[in-house]
Amino acid sequence: MIGRVKICIVSDSHDRAEALERAVRDAAAEGAQAVIHCGDLIGAHTLRPALGAEQVANVKGGRTWLVDPGTIAGLAAPATWALGDLAAMRFEVFSIAA
């Protein structure tokens, strides 16, 4: 059995160090033990059709969890990050307060 593991998932920080620092600090307060930075995805609109399902088919014929943490930089959308509870396979998106 997997022990209780929580992770912070962020994306699209676009050199916004302060926002990234806040997300990581807030995630640590929520019990996150690691941070995954997904980088900058160009053409994110191609993922929109899959965002309503928690799992999507992958190229190996299995299922893959899809987690969209939003944009940590808050460009054209609120600044957000995700907290993943790997034991429960539950993901929650948090906003960074202005």
C-alpha atoms as a PDB file:
ATOM      1  CA  MET A   1       0.000   0.000   0.000  1.00  0.00           C
ATOM      2  CA  ILE A   2       1.240   3.467  -0.861  1.00  0.00           C
ATOM      3  CA  GLY A   3       1.707   5.766   2.099  1.00  0.00           C
ATOM      4  CA  ARG A   4       0.148   9.221   2.109  1.00  0.00           C
ATOM      5  CA  VAL A   5       2.035  11.220  -0.544  1.00  0.00           C
ATOM      6  CA  LYS A   6       1.055  14.690  -1.692  1.00  0.00           C
ATOM      7  CA  ILE A   7       2.710  16.593  -4.506  1.00  0.00           C
ATOM      8  CA  CYS A   8       2.492  20.146  -5.839  1.00  0.00           C
ATOM      9  CA  ILE A   9       1.996  20.342  -9.603  1.00  0.00           C
ATOM     10  CA  VAL A  10       2.648  23.642 -11.402  1.00  0.00           C
ATOM     11  CA  SER A  11       2.982  24.766 -14.977  1.00  0.00           C
ATOM     12  CA  ASP A  12       3.597  27.857 -17.103  1.00  0.00           C
ATOM     13  CA  SER A  13       5.554  29.865 -14.608  1.00  0.00           C
ATOM     14  CA  HIS A  14       7.038  32.088 -17.359  1.00  0.00           C
ATOM     15  CA  ASP A  15       9.777  33.402 -15.074  1.00  0.00           C
ATOM     16  CA  ARG A  16       7.283  34.486 -12.397  1.00  0.00           C
ATOM     17  CA  ALA A  17       9.509  33.443  -9.480  1.00  0.00           C
ATOM     18  CA  GLU A  18       7.301  35.067  -6.826  1.00  0.00           C
ATOM     19  CA  ALA A  19       4.170  33.207  -7.957  1.00  0.00           C
ATOM     20  CA  LEU A  20       6.061  29.923  -8.131  1.00  0.00           C
ATOM     21  CA  GLU A  21       7.517  30.456  -4.669  1.00  0.00           C
ATOM     22  CA  ARG A  22       4.034  31.170  -3.274  1.00  0.00           C
ATOM     23  CA  ALA A  23       2.559  28.046  -4.812  1.00  0.00           C
ATOM     24  CA  VAL A  24       5.354  25.864  -3.449  1.00  0.00           C
ATOM     25  CA  ARG A  25       5.050  27.434   0.017  1.00  0.00           C
ATOM     26  CA  ASP A  26       1.266  26.990   0.047  1.00  0.00           C
ATOM     27  CA  ALA A  27       1.606  23.410  -1.168  1.00  0.00           C
ATOM     28  CA  ALA A  28       4.087  22.618   1.600  1.00  0.00           C
ATOM     29  CA  ALA A  29       1.575  23.961   4.111  1.00  0.00           C
ATOM     30  CA  GLU A  30      -0.980  21.527   2.604  1.00  0.00           C
ATOM     31  CA  GLY A  31       1.466  18.642   3.104  1.00  0.00           C
ATOM     32  CA  ALA A  32       3.145  18.443  -0.307  1.00  0.00           C
ATOM     33  CA  GLN A  33       6.465  16.621  -0.214  1.00  0.00           C
ATOM     34  CA  ALA A  34       7.568  17.249  -3.808  1.00  0.00           C
ATOM     35  CA  VAL A  35       6.978  19.641  -6.695  1.00  0.00           C
ATOM     36  CA  ILE A  36       6.438  18.717 -10.335  1.00  0.00           C
ATOM     37  CA  HIS A  37       6.830  21.581 -12.800  1.00  0.00           C
ATOM     38  CA  CYS A  38       5.206  20.651 -16.100  1.00  0.00           C
ATOM     39  CA  GLY A  39       6.893  23.378 -18.096  1.00  0.00           C
ATOM     40  CA  ASP A  40       5.249  25.532 -20.744  1.00  0.00           C
ATOM     41  CA  LEU A  41       2.816  23.816 -23.081  1.00  0.00           C
ATOM     42  CA  ILE A  42       2.310  25.655 -26.377  1.00  0.00           C
ATOM     43  CA  GLY A  43      -1.030  25.045 -28.044  1.00  0.00           C
ATOM     44  CA  ALA A  44      -2.821  23.923 -24.878  1.00  0.00           C
ATOM     45  CA  HIS A  45      -6.138  24.219 -26.728  1.00  0.00           C
ATOM     46  CA  THR A  46      -5.376  20.779 -28.175  1.00  0.00           C
ATOM     47  CA  LEU A  47      -5.878  19.269 -24.701  1.00  0.00           C
ATOM     48  CA  ARG A  48      -9.268  20.915 -24.076  1.00  0.00           C
ATOM     49  CA  PRO A  49     -11.386  18.004 -25.357  1.00  0.00           C
ATOM     50  CA  ALA A  50      -9.742  15.663 -22.823  1.00  0.00           C
ATOM     51  CA  LEU A  51      -9.940  17.975 -19.803  1.00  0.00           C
ATOM     52  CA  GLY A  52     -13.459  16.824 -18.730  1.00  0.00           C
ATOM     53  CA  ALA A  53     -12.217  13.160 -18.193  1.00  0.00           C
ATOM     54  CA  GLU A  54      -9.978  12.265 -15.205  1.00  0.00           C
ATOM     55  CA  GLN A  55      -8.326   9.480 -17.216  1.00  0.00           C
ATOM     56  CA  VAL A  56      -7.568   9.331 -20.943  1.00  0.00           C
ATOM     57  CA  ALA A  57      -6.372   6.572 -23.250  1.00  0.00           C
ATOM     58  CA  ASN A  58      -2.633   6.454 -23.836  1.00  0.00           C
ATOM     59  CA  VAL A  59      -0.576   5.151 -26.758  1.00  0.00           C
ATOM     60  CA  LYS A  60       0.080   1.821 -24.999  1.00  0.00           C
ATOM     61  CA  GLY A  61      -3.618   1.014 -24.786  1.00  0.00           C
ATOM     62  CA  GLY A  62      -3.869   1.784 -21.068  1.00  0.00           C
ATOM     63  CA  ARG A  63      -5.268   4.722 -19.124  1.00  0.00           C
ATOM     64  CA  THR A  64      -3.347   7.834 -17.995  1.00  0.00           C
ATOM     65  CA  TRP A  65      -4.324  10.420 -15.383  1.00  0.00           C
ATOM     66  CA  LEU A  66      -4.713  13.896 -16.866  1.00  0.00           C
ATOM     67  CA  VAL A  67      -4.016  16.758 -14.465  1.00  0.00           C
ATOM     68  CA  ASP A  68      -4.074  20.367 -15.635  1.00  0.00           C
ATOM     69  CA  PRO A  69      -2.624  22.678 -12.957  1.00  0.00           C
ATOM     70  CA  GLY A  70      -3.360  25.803 -14.997  1.00  0.00           C
ATOM     71  CA  THR A  71      -0.832  28.632 -15.206  1.00  0.00           C
ATOM     72  CA  ILE A  72       1.294  29.631 -12.222  1.00  0.00           C
ATOM     73  CA  ALA A  73       2.157  32.938 -13.923  1.00  0.00           C
ATOM     74  CA  GLY A  74      -1.480  33.983 -14.207  1.00  0.00           C
ATOM     75  CA  LEU A  75      -1.209  34.919 -17.869  1.00  0.00           C
ATOM     76  CA  ALA A  76      -4.694  35.382 -19.360  1.00  0.00           C
ATOM     77  CA  ALA A  77      -6.097  33.243 -16.533  1.00  0.00           C
ATOM     78  CA  PRO A  78      -5.983  33.144 -12.732  1.00  0.00           C
ATOM     79  CA  ALA A  79      -2.681  31.930 -11.231  1.00  0.00           C
ATOM     80  CA  THR A  80      -3.215  28.331 -10.141  1.00  0.00           C
ATOM     81  CA  TRP A  81      -1.363  25.194  -9.053  1.00  0.00           C
ATOM     82  CA  ALA A  82      -2.496  21.636  -8.240  1.00  0.00           C
ATOM     83  CA  LEU A  83      -2.053  19.434  -5.178  1.00  0.00           C
ATOM     84  CA  GLY A  84      -2.037  15.689  -5.830  1.00  0.00           C
ATOM     85  CA  ASP A  85      -2.828  13.077  -3.191  1.00  0.00           C
ATOM     86  CA  LEU A  86      -1.268   9.974  -4.755  1.00  0.00           C
ATOM     87  CA  ALA A  87      -2.699   7.494  -2.238  1.00  0.00           C
ATOM     88  CA  ALA A  88      -6.250   8.614  -3.021  1.00  0.00           C
ATOM     89  CA  MET A  89      -5.460   9.577  -6.662  1.00  0.00           C
ATOM     90  CA  ARG A  90      -7.230  12.869  -6.037  1.00  0.00           C
ATOM     91  CA  PHE A  91      -6.112  16.215  -7.459  1.00  0.00           C
ATOM     92  CA  GLU A  92      -7.225  19.673  -6.380  1.00  0.00           C
ATOM     93  CA  VAL A  93      -6.475  22.994  -8.092  1.00  0.00           C
ATOM     94  CA  PHE A  94      -5.678  26.021  -5.891  1.00  0.00           C
ATOM     95  CA  SER A  95      -5.566  29.717  -6.793  1.00  0.00           C
ATOM     96  CA  ILE A  96      -2.796  32.045  -5.699  1.00  0.00           C
ATOM     97  CA  ALA A  97      -4.253  35.049  -3.899  1.00  0.00           C
ATOM     98  CA  ALA A  98      -3.287  38.432  -5.365  1.00  0.00           C
END
